[in-house]
C-alpha atoms as a PDB file:
ATOM      1  CA  UNK A   1       0.000   0.000   0.000  1.00  0.00           C
ATOM      2  CA  UNK A   2       0.990   3.654  -0.392  1.00  0.00           C
ATOM      3  CA  UNK A   3       0.336   6.186   2.355  1.00  0.00           C
ATOM      4  CA  UNK A   4       0.764   9.935   1.884  1.00  0.00           C
ATOM      5  CA  UNK A   5       1.309  12.367   4.720  1.00  0.00           C
ATOM      6  CA  UNK A   6       1.817  16.089   5.318  1.00  0.00           C
ATOM      7  CA  UNK A   7       5.392  16.722   6.420  1.00  0.00           C
ATOM      8  CA  UNK A   8       7.612  19.813   6.761  1.00  0.00           C
ATOM      9  CA  UNK A   9       8.912  21.058   3.417  1.00  0.00           C
ATOM     10  CA  UNK A  10      12.559  20.215   2.638  1.00  0.00           C
ATOM     11  CA  UNK A  11      13.023  23.698   1.135  1.00  0.00           C
ATOM     12  CA  UNK A  12      13.859  27.022   2.765  1.00  0.00           C
ATOM     13  CA  UNK A  13      14.341  28.897  -0.515  1.00  0.00           C
ATOM     14  CA  UNK A  14      11.616  29.203  -3.171  1.00  0.00           C
ATOM     15  CA  UNK A  15      12.241  31.112  -6.422  1.00  0.00           C
ATOM     16  CA  UNK A  16       8.752  31.347  -7.882  1.00  0.00           C
ATOM     17  CA  UNK A  17       9.179  32.758 -11.417  1.00  0.00           C
ATOM     18  CA  UNK A  18       7.484  30.272 -13.767  1.00  0.00           C
ATOM     19  CA  UNK A  19       7.454  32.522 -16.855  1.00  0.00           C
ATOM     20  CA  UNK A  20      11.134  33.373 -17.144  1.00  0.00           C
ATOM     21  CA  UNK A  21      12.806  32.808 -20.504  1.00  0.00           C
ATOM     22  CA  UNK A  22      16.150  33.647 -18.913  1.00  0.00           C
ATOM     23  CA  UNK A  23      17.705  33.517 -15.453  1.00  0.00           C
ATOM     24  CA  UNK A  24      15.652  33.760 -12.276  1.00  0.00           C
ATOM     25  CA  UNK A  25      18.263  32.953  -9.599  1.00  0.00           C
ATOM     26  CA  UNK A  26      21.744  34.468  -9.579  1.00  0.00           C
ATOM     27  CA  UNK A  27      24.299  33.595  -6.914  1.00  0.00           C
ATOM     28  CA  UNK A  28      27.357  35.803  -7.183  1.00  0.00           C
ATOM     29  CA  UNK A  29      30.480  35.404  -5.082  1.00  0.00           C
ATOM     30  CA  UNK A  30      34.125  36.312  -5.076  1.00  0.00           C
ATOM     31  CA  UNK A  31      37.320  36.301  -3.131  1.00  0.00           C
ATOM     32  CA  UNK A  32      37.043  32.671  -2.032  1.00  0.00           C
ATOM     33  CA  UNK A  33      35.929  33.762   1.433  1.00  0.00           C
ATOM     34  CA  UNK A  34      33.518  30.925   2.050  1.00  0.00           C
ATOM     35  CA  UNK A  35      30.021  30.003   0.966  1.00  0.00           C
ATOM     36  CA  UNK A  36      27.755  32.676  -0.424  1.00  0.00           C
ATOM     37  CA  UNK A  37      24.697  30.743   0.804  1.00  0.00           C
ATOM     38  CA  UNK A  38      24.913  28.589   3.935  1.00  0.00           C
ATOM     39  CA  UNK A  39      21.764  26.497   4.428  1.00  0.00           C
ATOM     40  CA  UNK A  40      23.014  23.050   5.445  1.00  0.00           C
ATOM     41  CA  UNK A  41      19.656  21.880   6.808  1.00  0.00           C
ATOM     42  CA  UNK A  42      17.404  22.634   3.847  1.00  0.00           C
ATOM     43  CA  UNK A  43      17.249  22.992   0.064  1.00  0.00           C
ATOM     44  CA  UNK A  44      16.444  25.487  -2.710  1.00  0.00           C
ATOM     45  CA  UNK A  45      13.832  25.218  -5.440  1.00  0.00           C
ATOM     46  CA  UNK A  46      13.745  27.236  -8.686  1.00  0.00           C
ATOM     47  CA  UNK A  47      10.464  27.115 -10.631  1.00  0.00           C
ATOM     48  CA  UNK A  48      11.731  28.499 -13.944  1.00  0.00           C
ATOM     49  CA  UNK A  49      11.697  26.013 -16.827  1.00  0.00           C
ATOM     50  CA  UNK A  50      14.306  28.078 -18.680  1.00  0.00           C
ATOM     51  CA  UNK A  51      17.535  26.241 -19.571  1.00  0.00           C
ATOM     52  CA  UNK A  52      19.252  29.262 -17.972  1.00  0.00           C
ATOM     53  CA  UNK A  53      17.222  29.289 -14.731  1.00  0.00           C
ATOM     54  CA  UNK A  54      20.227  29.310 -12.357  1.00  0.00           C
ATOM     55  CA  UNK A  55      23.388  31.371 -12.787  1.00  0.00           C
ATOM     56  CA  UNK A  56      26.402  30.691 -10.592  1.00  0.00           C
ATOM     57  CA  UNK A  57      28.934  33.501 -10.963  1.00  0.00           C
ATOM     58  CA  UNK A  58      32.465  33.902  -9.676  1.00  0.00           C
ATOM     59  CA  UNK A  59      33.461  31.784  -6.690  1.00  0.00           C
ATOM     60  CA  UNK A  60      29.986  31.476  -5.215  1.00  0.00           C
ATOM     61  CA  UNK A  61      28.879  28.261  -3.561  1.00  0.00           C
ATOM     62  CA  UNK A  62      25.791  26.912  -1.835  1.00  0.00           C
ATOM     63  CA  UNK A  63      25.899  24.661   1.208  1.00  0.00           C
ATOM     64  CA  UNK A  64      22.461  23.026   1.256  1.00  0.00           C
ATOM     65  CA  UNK A  65      20.730  19.677   1.090  1.00  0.00           C
ATOM     66  CA  UNK A  66      20.176  20.281  -2.624  1.00  0.00           C
ATOM     67  CA  UNK A  67      19.196  22.699  -5.395  1.00  0.00           C
ATOM     68  CA  UNK A  68      16.206  21.586  -7.495  1.00  0.00           C
ATOM     69  CA  UNK A  69      15.601  23.260 -10.865  1.00  0.00           C
ATOM     70  CA  UNK A  70      12.599  22.897 -13.137  1.00  0.00           C
ATOM     71  CA  UNK A  71      14.897  24.128 -15.922  1.00  0.00           C
ATOM     72  CA  UNK A  72      18.689  24.134 -16.123  1.00  0.00           C
ATOM     73  CA  UNK A  73      21.885  26.060 -15.433  1.00  0.00           C
ATOM     74  CA  UNK A  74      23.054  29.012 -17.478  1.00  0.00           C
ATOM     75  CA  UNK A  75      26.370  29.125 -19.325  1.00  0.00           C
ATOM     76  CA  UNK A  76      25.924  32.766 -20.346  1.00  0.00           C
ATOM     77  CA  UNK A  77      27.470  35.906 -18.897  1.00  0.00           C
ATOM     78  CA  UNK A  78      30.199  34.152 -16.952  1.00  0.00           C
ATOM     79  CA  UNK A  79      27.859  31.631 -15.329  1.00  0.00           C
ATOM     80  CA  UNK A  80      29.356  28.330 -14.195  1.00  0.00           C
ATOM     81  CA  UNK A  81      27.713  24.953 -14.631  1.00  0.00           C
ATOM     82  CA  UNK A  82      28.182  22.813 -11.544  1.00  0.00           C
ATOM     83  CA  UNK A  83      26.983  19.266 -10.917  1.00  0.00           C
ATOM     84  CA  UNK A  84      26.798  20.028  -7.263  1.00  0.00           C
ATOM     85  CA  UNK A  85      28.157  22.171  -4.472  1.00  0.00           C
ATOM     86  CA  UNK A  86      30.087  20.673  -1.538  1.00  0.00           C
ATOM     87  CA  UNK A  87      26.895  19.371   0.073  1.00  0.00           C
ATOM     88  CA  UNK A  88      24.251  20.373  -2.462  1.00  0.00           C
ATOM     89  CA  UNK A  89      23.551  18.271  -5.559  1.00  0.00           C
ATOM     90  CA  UNK A  90      22.008  20.290  -8.398  1.00  0.00           C
ATOM     91  CA  UNK A  91      18.987  18.462  -9.851  1.00  0.00           C
ATOM     92  CA  UNK A  92      17.364  19.779 -13.066  1.00  0.00           C
ATOM     93  CA  UNK A  93      13.978  18.600 -14.326  1.00  0.00           C
ATOM     94  CA  UNK A  94      11.999  19.143 -11.124  1.00  0.00           C
ATOM     95  CA  UNK A  95       8.299  19.975 -10.812  1.00  0.00           C
ATOM     96  CA  UNK A  96       6.839  23.436 -10.216  1.00  0.00           C
ATOM     97  CA  UNK A  97       6.033  24.179  -6.559  1.00  0.00           C
ATOM     98  CA  UNK A  98       3.230  26.604  -5.763  1.00  0.00           C
ATOM     99  CA  UNK A  99       3.686  29.622  -3.529  1.00  0.00           C
ATOM    100  CA  UNK A 100       3.612  28.093  -0.012  1.00  0.00           C
ATOM    101  CA  UNK A 101       1.658  31.135   1.248  1.00  0.00           C
ATOM    102  CA  UNK A 102      -0.771  31.148  -1.719  1.00  0.00           C
ATOM    103  CA  UNK A 103      -0.203  34.811  -2.694  1.00  0.00           C
ATOM    104  CA  UNK A 104      -0.936  36.087   0.799  1.00  0.00           C
ATOM    105  CA  UNK A 105      -1.899  39.779   0.943  1.00  0.00           C
ATOM    106  CA  UNK A 106      -1.971  41.746   4.184  1.00  0.00           C
ATOM    107  CA  UNK A 107      -4.681  43.936   5.705  1.00  0.00           C
ATOM    108  CA  UNK A 108      -5.394  47.306   4.102  1.00  0.00           C
ATOM    109  CA  UNK A 109      -8.542  48.509   5.891  1.00  0.00           C
ATOM    110  CA  UNK A 110     -10.353  48.463   9.214  1.00  0.00           C
ATOM    111  CA  UNK A 111     -12.588  45.669   7.955  1.00  0.00           C
ATOM    112  CA  UNK A 112      -9.669  43.389   7.145  1.00  0.00           C
ATOM    113  CA  UNK A 113      -8.847  40.277   9.105  1.00  0.00           C
ATOM    114  CA  UNK A 114      -6.858  40.811  11.255  1.00  0.00           C
ATOM    115  CA  UNK A 115      -8.305  44.274  11.899  1.00  0.00           C
ATOM    116  CA  UNK A 116      -6.059  47.067  10.675  1.00  0.00           C
ATOM    117  CA  UNK A 117      -6.069  50.251  12.738  1.00  0.00           C
ATOM    118  CA  UNK A 118      -5.374  53.196  10.407  1.00  0.00           C
ATOM    119  CA  UNK A 119      -2.671  55.667  11.404  1.00  0.00           C
ATOM    120  CA  UNK A 120      -2.970  58.786   9.231  1.00  0.00           C
ATOM    121  CA  UNK A 121      -0.678  61.070  11.224  1.00  0.00           C
ATOM    122  CA  UNK A 122       2.620  59.314  11.947  1.00  0.00           C
ATOM    123  CA  UNK A 123       5.511  60.059   9.577  1.00  0.00           C
ATOM    124  CA  UNK A 124       8.465  59.043  11.748  1.00  0.00           C
ATOM    125  CA  UNK A 125       9.126  56.445  14.437  1.00  0.00           C
ATOM    126  CA  UNK A 126      12.598  56.917  15.797  1.00  0.00           C
ATOM    127  CA  UNK A 127      12.908  56.553  19.551  1.00  0.00           C
ATOM    128  CA  UNK A 128      14.191  53.421  21.260  1.00  0.00           C
ATOM    129  CA  UNK A 129      10.923  53.270  23.202  1.00  0.00           C
ATOM    130  CA  UNK A 130       9.198  52.450  19.947  1.00  0.00           C
ATOM    131  CA  UNK A 131       5.578  52.645  18.932  1.00  0.00           C
ATOM    132  CA  UNK A 132       2.539  51.327  20.759  1.00  0.00           C
ATOM    133  CA  UNK A 133       2.376  47.771  19.457  1.00  0.00           C
ATOM    134  CA  UNK A 134      -0.938  46.708  17.902  1.00  0.00           C
ATOM    135  CA  UNK A 135      -0.612  43.386  19.732  1.00  0.00           C
ATOM    136  CA  UNK A 136      -0.553  39.791  18.568  1.00  0.00           C
ATOM    137  CA  UNK A 137      -3.176  39.133  15.912  1.00  0.00           C
ATOM    138  CA  UNK A 138      -3.667  42.839  15.180  1.00  0.00           C
ATOM    139  CA  UNK A 139      -2.200  45.282  12.676  1.00  0.00           C
ATOM    140  CA  UNK A 140      -1.565  49.004  12.282  1.00  0.00           C
ATOM    141  CA  UNK A 141      -1.675  50.536   8.768  1.00  0.00           C
ATOM    142  CA  UNK A 142       0.395  53.658   8.107  1.00  0.00           C
ATOM    143  CA  UNK A 143      -1.034  55.806   5.312  1.00  0.00           C
ATOM    144  CA  UNK A 144       1.986  58.151   5.180  1.00  0.00           C
ATOM    145  CA  UNK A 145       5.520  57.406   4.059  1.00  0.00           C
ATOM    146  CA  UNK A 146       7.394  56.460   7.234  1.00  0.00           C
ATOM    147  CA  UNK A 147      10.924  57.053   8.491  1.00  0.00           C
ATOM    148  CA  UNK A 148      11.736  54.129  10.769  1.00  0.00           C
ATOM    149  CA  UNK A 149      14.665  53.455  13.091  1.00  0.00           C
ATOM    150  CA  UNK A 150      16.947  54.860  15.769  1.00  0.00           C
ATOM    151  CA  UNK A 151      20.412  56.076  14.737  1.00  0.00           C
ATOM    152  CA  UNK A 152      21.624  56.147  18.341  1.00  0.00           C
ATOM    153  CA  UNK A 153      20.360  52.733  19.389  1.00  0.00           C
ATOM    154  CA  UNK A 154      17.771  50.227  18.216  1.00  0.00           C
ATOM    155  CA  UNK A 155      14.106  51.023  17.709  1.00  0.00           C
ATOM    156  CA  UNK A 156      12.189  48.234  19.468  1.00  0.00           C
ATOM    157  CA  UNK A 157       8.742  47.339  18.179  1.00  0.00           C
ATOM    158  CA  UNK A 158       6.439  44.881  19.916  1.00  0.00           C
ATOM    159  CA  UNK A 159       4.064  42.205  18.686  1.00  0.00           C
ATOM    160  CA  UNK A 160       1.664  42.676  15.804  1.00  0.00           C
ATOM    161  CA  UNK A 161       1.835  43.599  12.138  1.00  0.00           C
ATOM    162  CA  UNK A 162       3.200  46.906  10.864  1.00  0.00           C
ATOM    163  CA  UNK A 163       1.664  47.606   7.452  1.00  0.00           C
ATOM    164  CA  UNK A 164       3.137  50.378   5.298  1.00  0.00           C
ATOM    165  CA  UNK A 165       0.803  51.699   2.592  1.00  0.00           C
ATOM    166  CA  UNK A 166       3.072  54.423   1.249  1.00  0.00           C
ATOM    167  CA  UNK A 167       6.578  53.053   1.676  1.00  0.00           C
ATOM    168  CA  UNK A 168       9.132  53.113   4.473  1.00  0.00           C
ATOM    169  CA  UNK A 169      12.732  54.320   4.853  1.00  0.00           C
ATOM    170  CA  UNK A 170      14.983  52.939   7.564  1.00  0.00           C
ATOM    171  CA  UNK A 171      16.777  55.809   9.314  1.00  0.00           C
ATOM    172  CA  UNK A 172      18.364  53.656  12.018  1.00  0.00           C
ATOM    173  CA  UNK A 173      18.409  50.172  13.515  1.00  0.00           C
ATOM    174  CA  UNK A 174      15.111  48.323  13.987  1.00  0.00           C
ATOM    175  CA  UNK A 175      14.119  45.224  15.982  1.00  0.00           C
ATOM    176  CA  UNK A 176      10.626  43.691  15.896  1.00  0.00           C
ATOM    177  CA  UNK A 177       9.671  40.932  18.334  1.00  0.00           C
ATOM    178  CA  UNK A 178       6.757  38.586  17.553  1.00  0.00           C
ATOM    179  CA  UNK A 179       5.756  40.766  14.632  1.00  0.00           C
ATOM    180  CA  UNK A 180       5.837  41.331  10.879  1.00  0.00           C
ATOM    181  CA  UNK A 181       6.931  44.211   8.671  1.00  0.00           C
ATOM    182  CA  UNK A 182       4.536  44.338   5.688  1.00  0.00           C
ATOM    183  CA  UNK A 183       5.513  46.754   2.897  1.00  0.00           C
ATOM    184  CA  UNK A 184       2.097  46.529   1.273  1.00  0.00           C
ATOM    185  CA  UNK A 185       2.672  49.454  -1.098  1.00  0.00           C
ATOM    186  CA  UNK A 186       5.457  51.909  -1.876  1.00  0.00           C
ATOM    187  CA  UNK A 187       9.231  51.897  -1.730  1.00  0.00           C
ATOM    188  CA  UNK A 188      11.370  50.000   0.782  1.00  0.00           C
ATOM    189  CA  UNK A 189      14.684  51.782   1.476  1.00  0.00           C
ATOM    190  CA  UNK A 190      17.010  50.219   4.022  1.00  0.00           C
ATOM    191  CA  UNK A 191      20.456  51.765   3.878  1.00  0.00           C
ATOM    192  CA  UNK A 192      23.277  50.603   6.123  1.00  0.00           C
ATOM    193  CA  UNK A 193      21.198  49.705   9.185  1.00  0.00           C
ATOM    194  CA  UNK A 194      20.598  46.494  11.105  1.00  0.00           C
ATOM    195  CA  UNK A 195      17.182  44.857  10.827  1.00  0.00           C
ATOM    196  CA  UNK A 196      16.228  42.212  13.391  1.00  0.00           C
ATOM    197  CA  UNK A 197      12.858  40.450  13.150  1.00  0.00           C
ATOM    198  CA  UNK A 198      11.219  37.617  15.050  1.00  0.00           C
ATOM    199  CA  UNK A 199       8.058  36.443  13.305  1.00  0.00           C
ATOM    200  CA  UNK A 200       4.859  35.354  15.090  1.00  0.00           C
ATOM    201  CA  UNK A 201       4.333  31.614  15.447  1.00  0.00           C
ATOM    202  CA  UNK A 202       0.521  31.721  15.249  1.00  0.00           C
ATOM    203  CA  UNK A 203      -2.208  33.501  13.317  1.00  0.00           C
ATOM    204  CA  UNK A 204      -2.381  34.365   9.625  1.00  0.00           C
ATOM    205  CA  UNK A 205       1.101  35.962   9.730  1.00  0.00           C
ATOM    206  CA  UNK A 206       2.594  32.801  11.212  1.00  0.00           C
ATOM    207  CA  UNK A 207       6.307  32.552  10.222  1.00  0.00           C
ATOM    208  CA  UNK A 208       6.338  35.808   8.182  1.00  0.00           C
ATOM    209  CA  UNK A 209       9.030  38.225   9.345  1.00  0.00           C
ATOM    210  CA  UNK A 210       9.173  40.559   6.348  1.00  0.00           C
ATOM    211  CA  UNK A 211       6.842  40.703   3.381  1.00  0.00           C
ATOM    212  CA  UNK A 212       6.328  42.632   0.169  1.00  0.00           C
ATOM    213  CA  UNK A 213       3.155  41.101  -1.318  1.00  0.00           C
ATOM    214  CA  UNK A 214       1.829  41.242  -4.865  1.00  0.00           C
ATOM    215  CA  UNK A 215      -0.077  44.454  -4.057  1.00  0.00           C
ATOM    216  CA  UNK A 216       3.273  46.278  -4.147  1.00  0.00           C
ATOM    217  CA  UNK A 217       4.228  47.036  -7.748  1.00  0.00           C
ATOM    218  CA  UNK A 218       6.217  50.212  -6.967  1.00  0.00           C
ATOM    219  CA  UNK A 219       9.351  49.199  -5.082  1.00  0.00           C
ATOM    220  CA  UNK A 220      12.590  49.439  -7.058  1.00  0.00           C
ATOM    221  CA  UNK A 221      16.272  48.656  -6.475  1.00  0.00           C
ATOM    222  CA  UNK A 222      19.425  50.680  -7.028  1.00  0.00           C
ATOM    223  CA  UNK A 223      20.469  48.371  -9.838  1.00  0.00           C
ATOM    224  CA  UNK A 224      18.600  47.318 -12.954  1.00  0.00           C
ATOM    225  CA  UNK A 225      17.266  43.795 -13.299  1.00  0.00           C
ATOM    226  CA  UNK A 226      19.284  43.185 -16.466  1.00  0.00           C
ATOM    227  CA  UNK A 227      22.561  44.309 -14.877  1.00  0.00           C
ATOM    228  CA  UNK A 228      22.037  41.731 -12.119  1.00  0.00           C
ATOM    229  CA  UNK A 229      22.186  39.018 -14.751  1.00  0.00           C
ATOM    230  CA  UNK A 230      18.439  38.469 -15.134  1.00  0.00           C
ATOM    231  CA  UNK A 231      18.316  38.136 -18.898  1.00  0.00           C
ATOM    232  CA  UNK A 232      14.944  37.914 -20.595  1.00  0.00           C
ATOM    233  CA  UNK A 233      13.139  39.582 -17.665  1.00  0.00           C
ATOM    234  CA  UNK A 234      10.475  42.254 -17.701  1.00  0.00           C
ATOM    235  CA  UNK A 235      10.198  44.945 -15.047  1.00  0.00           C
ATOM    236  CA  UNK A 236       9.111  43.150 -11.897  1.00  0.00           C
ATOM    237  CA  UNK A 237       9.218  45.173  -8.657  1.00  0.00           C
ATOM    238  CA  UNK A 238      12.420  44.811  -6.670  1.00  0.00           C
ATOM    239  CA  UNK A 239      13.122  44.466  -2.944  1.00  0.00           C
ATOM    240  CA  UNK A 240      16.643  45.513  -2.006  1.00  0.00           C
ATOM    241  CA  UNK A 241      17.837  44.211   1.349  1.00  0.00           C
ATOM    242  CA  UNK A 242      21.061  46.166   1.748  1.00  0.00           C
ATOM    243  CA  UNK A 243      23.016  45.322   4.866  1.00  0.00           C
ATOM    244  CA  UNK A 244      26.220  47.293   4.309  1.00  0.00           C
ATOM    245  CA  UNK A 245      28.805  46.403   6.949  1.00  0.00           C
ATOM    246  CA  UNK A 246      26.124  45.406   9.454  1.00  0.00           C
ATOM    247  CA  UNK A 247      24.041  42.263   9.668  1.00  0.00           C
ATOM    248  CA  UNK A 248      20.392  41.375   9.611  1.00  0.00           C
ATOM    249  CA  UNK A 249      18.813  38.651  11.723  1.00  0.00           C
ATOM    250  CA  UNK A 250      15.393  37.274  10.843  1.00  0.00           C
ATOM    251  CA  UNK A 251      13.720  34.399  12.669  1.00  0.00           C
ATOM    252  CA  UNK A 252      11.069  34.092  10.015  1.00  0.00           C
ATOM    253  CA  UNK A 253      10.547  34.091   6.274  1.00  0.00           C
ATOM    254  CA  UNK A 254      11.221  36.890   3.769  1.00  0.00           C
ATOM    255  CA  UNK A 255       8.139  36.797   1.525  1.00  0.00           C
ATOM    256  CA  UNK A 256       8.161  38.683  -1.795  1.00  0.00           C
ATOM    257  CA  UNK A 257       6.393  36.330  -4.231  1.00  0.00           C
ATOM    258  CA  UNK A 258       6.176  38.783  -7.157  1.00  0.00           C
ATOM    259  CA  UNK A 259       9.377  40.799  -6.585  1.00  0.00           C
ATOM    260  CA  UNK A 260      13.033  40.297  -7.357  1.00  0.00           C
ATOM    261  CA  UNK A 261      14.851  40.098  -4.020  1.00  0.00           C
ATOM    262  CA  UNK A 262      18.340  41.602  -4.122  1.00  0.00           C
ATOM    263  CA  UNK A 263      20.521  40.716  -1.144  1.00  0.00           C
ATOM    264  CA  UNK A 264      23.655  42.849  -1.062  1.00  0.00           C
ATOM    265  CA  UNK A 265      26.229  43.691   1.604  1.00  0.00           C
ATOM    266  CA  UNK A 266      29.562  45.370   2.174  1.00  0.00           C
ATOM    267  CA  UNK A 267      31.068  42.963   4.652  1.00  0.00           C
ATOM    268  CA  UNK A 268      27.911  42.187   6.599  1.00  0.00           C
ATOM    269  CA  UNK A 269      25.374  39.489   5.919  1.00  0.00           C
ATOM    270  CA  UNK A 270      21.943  38.104   6.593  1.00  0.00           C
ATOM    271  CA  UNK A 271      20.779  35.383   8.919  1.00  0.00           C
ATOM    272  CA  UNK A 272      17.272  34.205   8.051  1.00  0.00           C
ATOM    273  CA  UNK A 273      15.102  31.100   8.097  1.00  0.00           C
ATOM    274  CA  UNK A 274      13.527  31.174   4.638  1.00  0.00           C
ATOM    275  CA  UNK A 275      12.943  33.164   1.435  1.00  0.00           C
ATOM    276  CA  UNK A 276      10.085  33.174  -1.083  1.00  0.00           C
ATOM    277  CA  UNK A 277      10.857  35.439  -4.058  1.00  0.00           C
ATOM    278  CA  UNK A 278       9.926  35.846  -7.734  1.00  0.00           C
ATOM    279  CA  UNK A 279      13.597  36.197  -8.679  1.00  0.00           C
ATOM    280  CA  UNK A 280      16.589  36.055  -6.330  1.00  0.00           C
ATOM    281  CA  UNK A 281      19.958  37.812  -6.606  1.00  0.00           C
ATOM    282  CA  UNK A 282      22.379  36.963  -3.790  1.00  0.00           C
ATOM    283  CA  UNK A 283      25.608  38.945  -3.615  1.00  0.00           C
ATOM    284  CA  UNK A 284      26.154  38.683   0.111  1.00  0.00           C
ATOM    285  CA  UNK A 285      26.799  36.191   2.867  1.00  0.00           C
ATOM    286  CA  UNK A 286      23.413  34.558   3.433  1.00  0.00           C
ATOM    287  CA  UNK A 287      22.993  32.112   6.332  1.00  0.00           C
ATOM    288  CA  UNK A 288      19.743  30.163   6.439  1.00  0.00           C
ATOM    289  CA  UNK A 289      18.671  28.021   9.369  1.00  0.00           C
ATOM    290  CA  UNK A 290      15.551  26.119   8.334  1.00  0.00           C
ATOM    291  CA  UNK A 291      12.382  27.622   9.811  1.00  0.00           C
ATOM    292  CA  UNK A 292      10.966  24.089   9.972  1.00  0.00           C
ATOM    293  CA  UNK A 293      13.872  22.969  12.146  1.00  0.00           C
ATOM    294  CA  UNK A 294      13.466  25.922  14.519  1.00  0.00           C
ATOM    295  CA  UNK A 295       9.659  25.710  14.737  1.00  0.00           C
ATOM    296  CA  UNK A 296       8.658  22.131  13.865  1.00  0.00           C
ATOM    297  CA  UNK A 297       5.305  22.208  15.676  1.00  0.00           C
ATOM    298  CA  UNK A 298       4.043  25.532  14.279  1.00  0.00           C
ATOM    299  CA  UNK A 299       5.569  25.855  10.798  1.00  0.00           C
ATOM    300  CA  UNK A 300       3.067  26.344   7.928  1.00  0.00           C
ATOM    301  CA  UNK A 301       5.666  25.260   5.365  1.00  0.00           C
ATOM    302  CA  UNK A 302       4.376  21.786   4.633  1.00  0.00           C
ATOM    303  CA  UNK A 303       4.395  19.392   1.709  1.00  0.00           C
ATOM    304  CA  UNK A 304       2.650  16.126   0.868  1.00  0.00           C
ATOM    305  CA  UNK A 305       4.850  13.090   0.307  1.00  0.00           C
ATOM    306  CA  UNK A 306       4.792   9.330   0.666  1.00  0.00           C
ATOM    307  CA  UNK A 307       5.423   8.179   4.226  1.00  0.00           C
ATOM    308  CA  UNK A 308       4.841   4.446   3.651  1.00  0.00           C
END
């Protein structure tokens, strides 16, 4: 007999672009200073059926349980074809995997679930004492463009969801505990500041630390899509997570299912537990500890597979 069961997903990285005729994941490294992506407890999945779906440039490597491609590896623009990384076999010919969050869109009005309390006056949140947290299961929606962060310390935000309807600019360090940053609309601008997020482990934002949903078509990056190596791409929105010489720590998933996620640093890096992106450009030190391993009893990242 055959018995199927719902088990934690083996993947912590999902590159969702199914329409690409070119490259949808670029991993760029140099200097031989170690792995560009360290995710020894989980794998990566690239949905593009293009023969050039994955581009490995320079001396980049991936430490993972595996890299599954629907398509193949690019040989264009200095891309290297590898049969496998030190601990990550590269497997072309995989099947498309749907968005694990099913195109989740956050609250935008008072009638949304969870309820979104509108804030039409705040334009800056910059003291270490923070902002009155909406509380677990609740959200606050900022209608103005927001300056966020404390240059002299770390702005500490409590539980709940912080929804930005007109963009947000980090002007200092930010830490969110048991909460989610949701850039629903507008530009995300980070600069050289540390971002620390711990996602909720219950409710509809379960596991989401940072999100830029499909409602956001405006955010751009400081580098064109084509110059990143994404050949054959049209103008998708772009989420630039720029960590400079600092580091970002996220116990939760970065969710940008219709945006190109650009991860760049100048000596810093990112520690996270999962990424869902339309395209992915990694030119930084990215350390991934599987969200499923950290939160096995609450993770929503599941898959169906044969258990007998």
